[in-house]
Amino acid sequence: SGALHSMVFWGPPGTGKTTLARMLANYCGAEFLSLSAVLSGVKDIRAAVDQAKQRQASGKQTVLVVDEVHRFNKSQQDAFLPYVEDGTLIFIGATTENPSFELNNALLSRARVYVLRRHEPDELLRILCHALEDTEHGLGYSSSSMSDDQLSLLVQAADGDARRALNLLEIVTDLSDEATVSDDIIKEVVAGGVRRFDKGGEVFYDQISALHKSVRGSSADGALYWLARMLDGGCDPLYIARRVVRMAS
């Protein structure tokens, strides 16, 4: 219906949070403004609000997207409240952290939280094929320039992150001066990749919890998988050793 409401997109990197917000603004014919909580302060928020007021006077909606909104402190988050309340702007916050812990209750009560999941392998494969075949915005290659096995290696290395998948694809095509991409280039590019992991963050505790549950549920394969995944992601082996002792006790 074109009637937007304020919302928070919560999900891991590369799931399309900012892209989805831009699509919503375009679909509804609203002006799109973007702030990064890493680089912006209250002054930037006020400047964005002033622009939104000008557009509101001419009968246009404004969608303000705040990337990494969890980086704003309480006073910075509070600065949005009156303008979200009176409809001056539609607020869309994008965060990789749990909004319940990182965002003010006052802001959360005015916005609907939507959870974005990591991309499934077949979804990433479609994204990569589209990038290869798109002659206007893509890489100018054909889908036949890479084999299914090669694309699968990129998908596996991307670990559910579409941005990472596209970056890897771009590096591969930059390094290749042939019409087709060699296996050696693919292996070289994916060799330096790491699994999704964040020390002390949401994914970290999800994975150690999964390890606990696998051991408790007598799932040997599951326990080995999560153990290997955490080590592969760079977790301190001593931390895992302490947790294994804790499980045993």
Protein backbone atom coordinates (compact mmCIF):
# COMPACT_ATOMS: atom_id res chain seq x y z
CA SER A 1 0.00 0.00 0.00
CA GLY A 2 3.04 2.29 0.17
CA ALA A 3 2.43 3.05 3.87
CA LEU A 4 5.77 2.52 5.59
CA HIS A 5 6.39 2.23 9.32
CA SER A 6 9.59 2.55 11.33
CA MET A 7 11.51 -0.68 11.67
CA VAL A 8 14.76 -2.33 12.69
CA PHE A 9 16.49 -4.93 10.51
CA TRP A 10 18.52 -7.36 12.59
CA GLY A 11 20.79 -9.86 10.88
CA PRO A 12 24.36 -10.87 10.11
CA PRO A 13 26.51 -8.91 7.63
CA GLY A 14 25.74 -9.32 3.95
CA THR A 15 22.07 -10.23 4.30
CA GLY A 16 20.86 -7.10 2.47
CA LYS A 17 19.62 -4.89 5.31
CA THR A 18 20.56 -1.57 3.69
CA THR A 19 19.61 -2.81 0.22
CA LEU A 20 16.15 -3.83 1.45
CA ALA A 21 15.66 -0.40 3.06
CA ARG A 22 16.59 1.32 -0.22
CA MET A 23 14.18 -0.91 -2.14
CA LEU A 24 11.35 -0.03 0.27
CA ALA A 25 12.03 3.70 -0.14
CA ASN A 26 12.12 3.41 -3.94
CA TYR A 27 8.94 1.33 -4.03
CA CYS A 28 7.05 3.84 -1.90
CA GLY A 29 8.42 6.88 -3.75
CA ALA A 30 10.10 8.21 -0.60
CA GLU A 31 13.35 10.11 -0.34
CA PHE A 32 16.25 7.95 0.88
CA LEU A 33 18.74 9.24 3.45
CA SER A 34 21.50 7.18 4.99
CA LEU A 35 23.64 7.62 8.11
CA SER A 36 26.36 5.42 9.54
CA ALA A 37 26.36 5.26 13.33
CA VAL A 38 30.11 4.63 13.15
CA LEU A 39 30.79 8.01 11.52
CA SER A 40 27.81 10.20 12.48
CA GLY A 41 26.75 12.13 15.58
CA VAL A 42 23.82 14.22 16.83
CA LYS A 43 24.78 17.02 14.42
CA ASP A 44 24.35 14.67 11.45
CA ILE A 45 21.01 13.47 12.83
CA ARG A 46 19.77 17.07 13.06
CA ALA A 47 20.89 17.76 9.48
CA ALA A 48 18.98 14.68 8.27
CA VAL A 49 15.88 15.76 10.23
CA ASP A 50 16.05 19.24 8.63
CA GLN A 51 16.11 17.65 5.17
CA ALA A 52 13.17 15.42 6.12
CA LYS A 53 11.16 18.47 7.30
CA GLN A 54 11.75 20.25 4.00
CA ARG A 55 10.55 17.24 2.05
CA GLN A 56 7.58 16.78 4.38
CA ALA A 57 6.53 20.37 3.61
CA SER A 58 6.44 19.46 -0.08
CA GLY A 59 4.39 16.33 0.65
CA LYS A 60 7.18 13.74 0.38
CA GLN A 61 8.07 11.01 2.85
CA THR A 62 11.67 10.49 3.96
CA VAL A 63 13.21 7.14 4.86
CA LEU A 64 16.25 7.53 7.10
CA VAL A 65 18.42 4.42 7.28
CA VAL A 66 20.95 4.18 10.11
CA ASP A 67 23.60 1.52 9.55
CA GLU A 68 25.12 -0.12 12.65
CA VAL A 69 22.52 1.69 14.78
CA HIS A 70 23.69 -0.21 17.89
CA ARG A 71 26.83 2.00 17.83
CA PHE A 72 24.73 5.07 18.79
CA ASN A 73 24.60 5.82 22.51
CA LYS A 74 21.37 6.45 24.44
CA SER A 75 21.25 10.21 23.82
CA GLN A 76 21.90 9.75 20.10
CA GLN A 77 19.13 7.16 19.86
CA ASP A 78 16.79 9.44 21.83
CA ALA A 79 17.36 12.20 19.27
CA PHE A 80 15.23 10.26 16.76
CA LEU A 81 12.21 9.78 19.01
CA PRO A 82 10.20 13.01 18.48
CA TYR A 83 10.63 12.85 14.69
CA VAL A 84 9.67 9.19 14.49
CA GLU A 85 6.67 9.95 16.72
CA ASP A 86 5.34 12.89 14.64
CA GLY A 87 6.01 11.23 11.26
CA THR A 88 8.72 13.63 10.10
CA LEU A 89 10.69 10.58 8.97
CA ILE A 90 10.46 6.83 8.66
CA PHE A 91 13.28 5.35 10.72
CA ILE A 92 14.97 2.13 9.59
CA GLY A 93 17.82 0.89 11.76
CA ALA A 94 20.19 -1.84 10.57
CA THR A 95 22.12 -3.82 13.17
CA THR A 96 24.10 -7.02 13.53
CA GLU A 97 23.54 -7.07 17.32
CA ASN A 98 20.45 -8.11 19.28
CA PRO A 99 18.21 -4.98 19.39
CA SER A 100 16.79 -6.00 22.77
CA PHE A 101 20.23 -5.49 24.32
CA GLU A 102 21.60 -2.64 22.20
CA LEU A 103 18.66 -0.30 21.49
CA ASN A 104 16.60 1.87 23.83
CA ASN A 105 13.18 0.56 24.80
CA ALA A 106 11.68 3.90 23.77
CA LEU A 107 13.03 3.48 20.23
CA LEU A 108 12.12 -0.20 20.05
CA SER A 109 8.53 0.56 21.07
CA ARG A 110 8.20 2.79 18.00
CA ALA A 111 9.73 0.36 15.52
CA ARG A 112 8.98 -3.18 14.38
CA VAL A 113 11.96 -5.57 14.49
CA TYR A 114 12.48 -7.83 11.48
CA VAL A 115 15.06 -10.63 11.59
CA LEU A 116 17.05 -11.25 8.40
CA ARG A 117 18.64 -14.68 8.12
CA ARG A 118 21.94 -15.55 6.49
CA HIS A 119 21.62 -16.54 2.83
CA GLU A 120 21.25 -20.20 1.95
CA PRO A 121 23.78 -21.65 -0.55
CA ASP A 122 21.28 -21.78 -3.43
CA GLU A 123 20.40 -18.12 -2.84
CA LEU A 124 24.07 -17.09 -2.93
CA LEU A 125 24.53 -19.14 -6.09
CA ARG A 126 21.68 -17.22 -7.79
CA ILE A 127 23.24 -13.90 -6.68
CA LEU A 128 26.64 -14.86 -8.13
CA CYS A 129 25.13 -16.07 -11.43
CA HIS A 130 23.15 -12.84 -11.72
CA ALA A 131 26.31 -10.77 -11.13
CA LEU A 132 28.14 -12.72 -13.83
CA GLU A 133 25.37 -12.35 -16.40
CA ASP A 134 24.44 -8.70 -15.72
CA THR A 135 26.23 -6.82 -18.51
CA GLU A 136 25.10 -3.38 -17.30
CA HIS A 137 25.87 -3.51 -13.56
CA GLY A 138 27.68 -6.84 -13.22
CA LEU A 139 31.13 -8.09 -14.12
CA GLY A 140 30.66 -8.58 -17.84
CA TYR A 141 31.44 -12.30 -17.75
CA SER A 142 29.12 -15.08 -18.80
CA SER A 143 27.85 -17.74 -16.43
CA SER A 144 29.76 -20.31 -18.52
CA SER A 145 33.09 -18.69 -17.55
CA MET A 146 32.96 -20.57 -14.23
CA SER A 147 31.99 -24.15 -13.47
CA ASP A 148 29.38 -25.18 -10.92
CA ASP A 149 32.13 -26.56 -8.67
CA GLN A 150 34.02 -23.25 -8.80
CA LEU A 151 30.91 -21.26 -7.91
CA SER A 152 30.17 -23.71 -5.09
CA LEU A 153 33.62 -23.05 -3.61
CA LEU A 154 32.90 -19.30 -3.57
CA VAL A 155 29.49 -19.91 -2.00
CA GLN A 156 31.07 -22.09 0.70
CA ALA A 157 33.75 -19.47 1.42
CA ALA A 158 31.15 -16.68 1.65
CA ASP A 159 29.38 -18.46 4.54
CA GLY A 160 25.95 -16.92 3.97
CA ASP A 161 27.26 -13.38 3.33
CA ALA A 162 26.20 -12.00 -0.07
CA ARG A 163 28.61 -9.05 0.14
CA ARG A 164 31.52 -11.39 0.78
CA ALA A 165 30.40 -13.66 -2.08
CA LEU A 166 30.30 -10.75 -4.54
CA ASN A 167 33.67 -9.44 -3.31
CA LEU A 168 35.24 -12.87 -3.82
CA LEU A 169 33.72 -13.11 -7.30
CA GLU A 170 35.07 -9.68 -8.20
CA ILE A 171 38.57 -10.61 -7.03
CA VAL A 172 38.43 -13.86 -9.02
CA THR A 173 37.42 -12.08 -12.23
CA ASP A 174 40.02 -9.34 -11.68
CA LEU A 175 42.79 -11.92 -11.35
CA SER A 176 41.66 -13.88 -14.39
CA ASP A 177 42.73 -12.67 -17.84
CA GLU A 178 41.09 -15.59 -19.64
CA ALA A 179 37.56 -16.14 -20.90
CA THR A 180 37.24 -18.90 -18.32
CA VAL A 181 38.46 -18.88 -14.72
CA SER A 182 41.07 -21.45 -13.65
CA ASP A 183 40.74 -23.66 -10.56
CA ASP A 184 44.08 -22.32 -9.26
CA ILE A 185 42.74 -18.76 -9.06
CA ILE A 186 39.61 -19.92 -7.21
CA LYS A 187 41.67 -21.88 -4.68
CA GLU A 188 44.03 -18.95 -4.15
CA VAL A 189 41.17 -16.52 -3.49
CA VAL A 190 39.19 -18.73 -1.11
CA ALA A 191 42.28 -19.90 0.81
CA GLY A 192 42.41 -16.78 2.98
CA GLY A 193 38.75 -16.78 3.95
CA VAL A 194 37.44 -17.23 7.48
CA ARG A 195 34.10 -18.45 8.78
CA ARG A 196 31.54 -16.10 10.27
CA PHE A 197 32.64 -15.47 13.84
CA ASP A 198 32.64 -12.54 16.27
CA LYS A 199 34.59 -12.67 19.50
CA GLY A 200 32.16 -12.19 22.36
CA GLY A 201 29.22 -11.35 20.07
CA GLU A 202 25.94 -12.97 19.10
CA VAL A 203 27.45 -15.56 16.73
CA PHE A 204 30.17 -16.47 19.25
CA TYR A 205 27.62 -17.41 21.93
CA ASP A 206 25.35 -19.12 19.39
CA GLN A 207 28.21 -21.40 18.38
CA ILE A 208 29.46 -22.28 21.87
CA SER A 209 25.83 -22.97 22.81
CA ALA A 210 25.51 -25.26 19.78
CA LEU A 211 28.66 -27.11 20.92
CA HIS A 212 27.18 -27.57 24.42
CA LYS A 213 23.87 -28.84 23.04
CA SER A 214 25.59 -31.26 20.66
CA VAL A 215 27.58 -32.81 23.51
CA ARG A 216 24.53 -32.93 25.77
CA GLY A 217 22.48 -34.53 22.99
CA SER A 218 25.19 -37.15 22.28
CA SER A 219 25.64 -35.85 18.72
CA ALA A 220 29.27 -36.69 17.98
CA ASP A 221 29.17 -35.28 14.45
CA GLY A 222 27.52 -32.07 15.66
CA ALA A 223 30.04 -31.61 18.47
CA LEU A 224 32.99 -32.09 16.11
CA TYR A 225 31.43 -29.71 13.57
CA TRP A 226 30.96 -26.84 16.05
CA LEU A 227 34.37 -27.48 17.63
CA ALA A 228 36.05 -27.28 14.22
CA ARG A 229 33.94 -24.28 13.21
CA MET A 230 34.95 -22.26 16.29
CA LEU A 231 38.63 -23.14 15.88
CA ASP A 232 38.41 -22.32 12.17
CA GLY A 233 36.87 -18.94 13.09
CA GLY A 234 39.79 -18.06 15.34
CA CYS A 235 38.45 -18.89 18.81
CA ASP A 236 41.07 -19.29 21.56
CA PRO A 237 41.58 -23.07 22.02
CA LEU A 238 42.03 -22.54 25.78
CA TYR A 239 38.53 -21.04 25.97
CA ILE A 240 37.07 -24.13 24.30
CA ALA A 241 39.13 -26.38 26.57
CA ARG A 242 37.70 -24.65 29.66
CA ARG A 243 34.17 -25.07 28.29
CA VAL A 244 34.75 -28.78 27.60
CA VAL A 245 35.96 -29.22 31.20
CA ARG A 246 32.84 -27.37 32.33
CA MET A 247 30.64 -29.71 30.28
CA ALA A 248 32.39 -32.73 31.81
CA SER A 249 31.88 -31.45 35.35
